[in-house]
Amino acid sequence: MAKRNSTTRSNTVRKAGPKSRGLTKGKIQARQKEVDGIKFKSMLEVFCYKKLKELGVSFTYEEHSYQLTDAFYYPCVIFETKGTSKEFVDKSKDKIRGISYTPDFVSHDADGKLLWVIECKGFANDRFPNTWKNFKKHLIDTNSTCPLFLPKDQKQILQVIQLISEL
């Protein structure tokens, strides 16, 4: 059997470097692209955008943000480490930031009622599952329940497009 030399291997087999696959310090980063004057954060979002346009439905891209948790102050003493320091610091007076979430694609009817939400997630970070759960809870609490879609590849986006066309 002939020995394969590393220069003959395809890009998918070759170890990806920072420029070839969008890797930064061991993390996978999506390739960003601008289409129709909109800056998308991933090629999966671009694919979804094009398919939604082909379908002819009304939608927006990252325009609607939802406040999942309001900012607040903790009423008691808080001692935490600050940054990379191992020293305890009194943070009792610090405001605890709220949590907001902006889905990728959203559609509303003429009255402003939420029709559906699409969040394209090829690779989710460690925070996303909790944010997604909190978003679902927020929709329930605000009586805004609607179909939610979380496609992870182009095949799933095509399924989402089919489902939306049937709504």
C-alpha atoms as a PDB file:
ATOM      1  CA  MET A   1       0.000   0.000   0.000  1.00  0.00           C
ATOM      2  CA  ALA A   2       1.371   3.387  -0.982  1.00  0.00           C
ATOM      3  CA  LYS A   3       2.157   5.905   1.713  1.00  0.00           C
ATOM      4  CA  ARG A   4       0.078   9.072   1.555  1.00  0.00           C
ATOM      5  CA  ASN A   5       1.921  12.274   1.794  1.00  0.00           C
ATOM      6  CA  SER A   6       0.321  15.101   3.812  1.00  0.00           C
ATOM      7  CA  THR A   7       0.254  17.439   0.804  1.00  0.00           C
ATOM      8  CA  THR A   8      -2.109  15.098  -1.067  1.00  0.00           C
ATOM      9  CA  ARG A   9      -4.676  14.928   1.712  1.00  0.00           C
ATOM     10  CA  SER A  10      -7.881  16.860   1.317  1.00  0.00           C
ATOM     11  CA  ASN A  11      -8.676  19.892   3.455  1.00  0.00           C
ATOM     12  CA  THR A  12     -11.237  17.889   5.412  1.00  0.00           C
ATOM     13  CA  VAL A  13      -8.612  15.363   6.486  1.00  0.00           C
ATOM     14  CA  ARG A  14      -5.723  17.766   6.975  1.00  0.00           C
ATOM     15  CA  LYS A  15      -5.428  19.350  10.386  1.00  0.00           C
ATOM     16  CA  ALA A  16      -7.198  22.659  10.170  1.00  0.00           C
ATOM     17  CA  GLY A  17      -5.239  25.788  10.908  1.00  0.00           C
ATOM     18  CA  PRO A  18      -6.634  29.154  12.036  1.00  0.00           C
ATOM     19  CA  LYS A  19      -7.120  30.437   8.473  1.00  0.00           C
ATOM     20  CA  SER A  20      -8.565  27.311   6.891  1.00  0.00           C
ATOM     21  CA  ARG A  21     -11.375  26.502   9.311  1.00  0.00           C
ATOM     22  CA  GLY A  22     -11.872  29.590  11.458  1.00  0.00           C
ATOM     23  CA  LEU A  23     -10.155  28.117  14.496  1.00  0.00           C
ATOM     24  CA  THR A  24      -8.951  30.398  17.245  1.00  0.00           C
ATOM     25  CA  LYS A  25      -7.180  28.943  20.271  1.00  0.00           C
ATOM     26  CA  GLY A  26      -8.865  25.555  19.775  1.00  0.00           C
ATOM     27  CA  LYS A  27     -12.353  27.002  19.358  1.00  0.00           C
ATOM     28  CA  ILE A  28     -14.389  26.668  16.199  1.00  0.00           C
ATOM     29  CA  GLN A  29     -15.550  29.980  14.803  1.00  0.00           C
ATOM     30  CA  ALA A  30     -18.140  30.305  12.075  1.00  0.00           C
ATOM     31  CA  ARG A  31     -17.239  32.092   8.861  1.00  0.00           C
ATOM     32  CA  GLN A  32     -18.949  35.451   8.646  1.00  0.00           C
ATOM     33  CA  LYS A  33     -20.393  36.723   5.385  1.00  0.00           C
ATOM     34  CA  GLU A  34     -22.296  39.754   4.152  1.00  0.00           C
ATOM     35  CA  VAL A  35     -25.324  39.212   1.888  1.00  0.00           C
ATOM     36  CA  ASP A  36     -27.749  41.943   0.781  1.00  0.00           C
ATOM     37  CA  GLY A  37     -26.021  44.374   3.150  1.00  0.00           C
ATOM     38  CA  ILE A  38     -26.628  42.099   6.170  1.00  0.00           C
ATOM     39  CA  LYS A  39     -23.640  40.761   8.116  1.00  0.00           C
ATOM     40  CA  PHE A  40     -24.337  37.143   9.036  1.00  0.00           C
ATOM     41  CA  LYS A  41     -22.379  35.348  11.731  1.00  0.00           C
ATOM     42  CA  SER A  42     -22.266  31.992   9.950  1.00  0.00           C
ATOM     43  CA  MET A  43     -22.708  30.351   6.576  1.00  0.00           C
ATOM     44  CA  LEU A  44     -25.588  28.356   8.076  1.00  0.00           C
ATOM     45  CA  GLU A  45     -27.419  31.639   8.735  1.00  0.00           C
ATOM     46  CA  VAL A  46     -26.733  32.731   5.140  1.00  0.00           C
ATOM     47  CA  PHE A  47     -28.217  29.452   3.853  1.00  0.00           C
ATOM     48  CA  CYS A  48     -31.304  29.905   6.044  1.00  0.00           C
ATOM     49  CA  TYR A  49     -31.698  33.539   4.942  1.00  0.00           C
ATOM     50  CA  LYS A  50     -31.610  32.580   1.256  1.00  0.00           C
ATOM     51  CA  LYS A  51     -34.142  29.776   1.736  1.00  0.00           C
ATOM     52  CA  LEU A  52     -36.515  32.047   3.685  1.00  0.00           C
ATOM     53  CA  LYS A  53     -36.257  34.657   0.904  1.00  0.00           C
ATOM     54  CA  GLU A  54     -37.022  31.981  -1.706  1.00  0.00           C
ATOM     55  CA  LEU A  55     -40.089  30.982   0.316  1.00  0.00           C
ATOM     56  CA  GLY A  56     -41.282  34.600   0.228  1.00  0.00           C
ATOM     57  CA  VAL A  57     -42.217  34.894   3.902  1.00  0.00           C
ATOM     58  CA  SER A  58     -41.817  38.032   5.975  1.00  0.00           C
ATOM     59  CA  PHE A  59     -39.023  37.827   8.570  1.00  0.00           C
ATOM     60  CA  THR A  60     -36.274  39.820  10.241  1.00  0.00           C
ATOM     61  CA  TYR A  61     -32.680  38.911  11.090  1.00  0.00           C
ATOM     62  CA  GLU A  62     -31.415  39.655  14.612  1.00  0.00           C
ATOM     63  CA  GLU A  63     -33.686  42.667  15.101  1.00  0.00           C
ATOM     64  CA  HIS A  64     -35.738  41.520  18.073  1.00  0.00           C
ATOM     65  CA  SER A  65     -34.112  41.159  21.478  1.00  0.00           C
ATOM     66  CA  TYR A  66     -35.906  39.627  24.438  1.00  0.00           C
ATOM     67  CA  GLN A  67     -35.158  40.532  28.056  1.00  0.00           C
ATOM     68  CA  LEU A  68     -35.079  37.169  29.851  1.00  0.00           C
ATOM     69  CA  THR A  69     -33.959  38.477  33.250  1.00  0.00           C
ATOM     70  CA  ASP A  70     -33.940  42.080  34.405  1.00  0.00           C
ATOM     71  CA  ALA A  71     -30.870  43.619  36.024  1.00  0.00           C
ATOM     72  CA  PHE A  72     -30.978  43.671  39.826  1.00  0.00           C
ATOM     73  CA  TYR A  73     -29.026  44.261  43.027  1.00  0.00           C
ATOM     74  CA  TYR A  74     -28.423  41.446  45.485  1.00  0.00           C
ATOM     75  CA  PRO A  75     -29.694  42.666  48.918  1.00  0.00           C
ATOM     76  CA  CYS A  76     -26.967  40.984  50.984  1.00  0.00           C
ATOM     77  CA  VAL A  77     -23.180  40.854  51.121  1.00  0.00           C
ATOM     78  CA  ILE A  78     -21.395  39.339  48.115  1.00  0.00           C
ATOM     79  CA  PHE A  79     -17.761  38.329  48.197  1.00  0.00           C
ATOM     80  CA  GLU A  80     -16.354  37.056  44.925  1.00  0.00           C
ATOM     81  CA  THR A  81     -13.016  36.898  43.202  1.00  0.00           C
ATOM     82  CA  LYS A  82     -12.340  39.642  40.702  1.00  0.00           C
ATOM     83  CA  GLY A  83     -11.089  38.611  37.261  1.00  0.00           C
ATOM     84  CA  THR A  84      -8.065  36.328  37.414  1.00  0.00           C
ATOM     85  CA  SER A  85      -7.218  37.442  40.947  1.00  0.00           C
ATOM     86  CA  LYS A  86      -7.774  34.927  43.735  1.00  0.00           C
ATOM     87  CA  GLU A  87      -8.472  37.685  46.240  1.00  0.00           C
ATOM     88  CA  PHE A  88     -12.015  38.089  47.577  1.00  0.00           C
ATOM     89  CA  VAL A  89     -13.611  41.454  46.826  1.00  0.00           C
ATOM     90  CA  ASP A  90     -16.830  42.908  48.232  1.00  0.00           C
ATOM     91  CA  LYS A  91     -19.225  43.255  45.289  1.00  0.00           C
ATOM     92  CA  SER A  92     -22.318  44.105  47.354  1.00  0.00           C
ATOM     93  CA  LYS A  93     -22.903  47.404  45.551  1.00  0.00           C
ATOM     94  CA  ASP A  94     -22.456  46.005  42.020  1.00  0.00           C
ATOM     95  CA  LYS A  95     -25.480  45.726  39.792  1.00  0.00           C
ATOM     96  CA  ILE A  96     -26.058  42.218  38.452  1.00  0.00           C
ATOM     97  CA  ARG A  97     -26.601  42.480  34.716  1.00  0.00           C
ATOM     98  CA  GLY A  98     -29.789  41.263  33.102  1.00  0.00           C
ATOM     99  CA  ILE A  99     -29.878  38.521  30.508  1.00  0.00           C
ATOM    100  CA  SER A 100     -31.166  39.197  27.006  1.00  0.00           C
ATOM    101  CA  TYR A 101     -31.434  37.004  23.942  1.00  0.00           C
ATOM    102  CA  THR A 102     -31.608  37.865  20.246  1.00  0.00           C
ATOM    103  CA  PRO A 103     -32.740  35.009  17.983  1.00  0.00           C
ATOM    104  CA  ASP A 104     -31.485  34.795  14.400  1.00  0.00           C
ATOM    105  CA  PHE A 105     -34.747  34.860  12.440  1.00  0.00           C
ATOM    106  CA  VAL A 106     -38.154  36.005  13.665  1.00  0.00           C
ATOM    107  CA  SER A 107     -41.504  36.438  11.934  1.00  0.00           C
ATOM    108  CA  HIS A 108     -44.484  38.469  13.175  1.00  0.00           C
ATOM    109  CA  ASP A 109     -47.985  38.872  11.815  1.00  0.00           C
ATOM    110  CA  ALA A 110     -49.537  42.283  11.016  1.00  0.00           C
ATOM    111  CA  ASP A 111     -50.613  42.694  14.670  1.00  0.00           C
ATOM    112  CA  GLY A 112     -47.083  42.049  15.952  1.00  0.00           C
ATOM    113  CA  LYS A 113     -47.844  38.531  17.205  1.00  0.00           C
ATOM    114  CA  LEU A 114     -44.848  36.200  17.063  1.00  0.00           C
ATOM    115  CA  LEU A 115     -45.351  33.558  14.339  1.00  0.00           C
ATOM    116  CA  TRP A 116     -42.091  31.578  14.548  1.00  0.00           C
ATOM    117  CA  VAL A 117     -38.428  31.794  15.597  1.00  0.00           C
ATOM    118  CA  ILE A 118     -35.372  30.174  14.001  1.00  0.00           C
ATOM    119  CA  GLU A 119     -32.016  29.941  15.793  1.00  0.00           C
ATOM    120  CA  CYS A 120     -29.286  28.454  13.563  1.00  0.00           C
ATOM    121  CA  LYS A 121     -26.757  26.640  15.743  1.00  0.00           C
ATOM    122  CA  GLY A 122     -24.045  24.616  14.084  1.00  0.00           C
ATOM    123  CA  PHE A 123     -21.958  24.500  17.275  1.00  0.00           C
ATOM    124  CA  ALA A 124     -23.500  25.809  20.492  1.00  0.00           C
ATOM    125  CA  ASN A 125     -21.335  27.314  23.211  1.00  0.00           C
ATOM    126  CA  ASP A 126     -21.712  26.151  26.813  1.00  0.00           C
ATOM    127  CA  ARG A 127     -24.110  29.009  27.713  1.00  0.00           C
ATOM    128  CA  PHE A 128     -26.595  28.525  24.898  1.00  0.00           C
ATOM    129  CA  PRO A 129     -28.659  25.605  26.322  1.00  0.00           C
ATOM    130  CA  ASN A 130     -29.575  27.663  29.408  1.00  0.00           C
ATOM    131  CA  THR A 131     -30.342  30.739  27.311  1.00  0.00           C
ATOM    132  CA  TRP A 132     -32.594  28.664  25.035  1.00  0.00           C
ATOM    133  CA  LYS A 133     -34.455  27.222  28.059  1.00  0.00           C
ATOM    134  CA  ASN A 134     -34.894  30.696  29.541  1.00  0.00           C
ATOM    135  CA  PHE A 135     -36.168  31.997  26.200  1.00  0.00           C
ATOM    136  CA  LYS A 136     -38.801  29.243  26.046  1.00  0.00           C
ATOM    137  CA  LYS A 137     -39.850  30.064  29.626  1.00  0.00           C
ATOM    138  CA  HIS A 138     -40.015  33.770  28.726  1.00  0.00           C
ATOM    139  CA  LEU A 139     -42.339  33.006  25.802  1.00  0.00           C
ATOM    140  CA  ILE A 140     -44.619  30.947  28.053  1.00  0.00           C
ATOM    141  CA  ASP A 141     -44.660  33.681  30.717  1.00  0.00           C
ATOM    142  CA  THR A 142     -45.570  36.343  28.141  1.00  0.00           C
ATOM    143  CA  ASN A 143     -48.200  34.183  26.364  1.00  0.00           C
ATOM    144  CA  SER A 144     -46.145  34.391  23.166  1.00  0.00           C
ATOM    145  CA  THR A 145     -45.818  30.707  22.424  1.00  0.00           C
ATOM    146  CA  CYS A 146     -45.003  29.932  18.806  1.00  0.00           C
ATOM    147  CA  PRO A 147     -43.065  27.305  16.856  1.00  0.00           C
ATOM    148  CA  LEU A 148     -39.345  27.376  17.649  1.00  0.00           C
ATOM    149  CA  PHE A 149     -36.751  25.877  15.339  1.00  0.00           C
ATOM    150  CA  LEU A 150     -33.134  25.044  16.191  1.00  0.00           C
ATOM    151  CA  PRO A 151     -31.559  23.695  12.988  1.00  0.00           C
ATOM    152  CA  LYS A 152     -27.940  22.554  13.154  1.00  0.00           C
ATOM    153  CA  ASP A 153     -27.241  21.909   9.463  1.00  0.00           C
ATOM    154  CA  GLN A 154     -28.567  22.631   5.977  1.00  0.00           C
ATOM    155  CA  LYS A 155     -30.701  19.486   5.858  1.00  0.00           C
ATOM    156  CA  GLN A 156     -32.529  20.587   9.025  1.00  0.00           C
ATOM    157  CA  ILE A 157     -32.966  24.090   7.605  1.00  0.00           C
ATOM    158  CA  LEU A 158     -34.686  22.595   4.564  1.00  0.00           C
ATOM    159  CA  GLN A 159     -37.012  20.728   6.945  1.00  0.00           C
ATOM    160  CA  VAL A 160     -37.707  23.991   8.822  1.00  0.00           C
ATOM    161  CA  ILE A 161     -38.530  25.755   5.547  1.00  0.00           C
ATOM    162  CA  GLN A 162     -40.983  22.950   4.669  1.00  0.00           C
ATOM    163  CA  LEU A 163     -42.637  23.208   8.099  1.00  0.00           C
ATOM    164  CA  ILE A 164     -42.918  27.006   7.873  1.00  0.00           C
ATOM    165  CA  SER A 165     -44.460  26.748   4.405  1.00  0.00           C
ATOM    166  CA  GLU A 166     -47.177  24.523   5.931  1.00  0.00           C
ATOM    167  CA  LEU A 167     -48.028  26.976   8.755  1.00  0.00           C
END
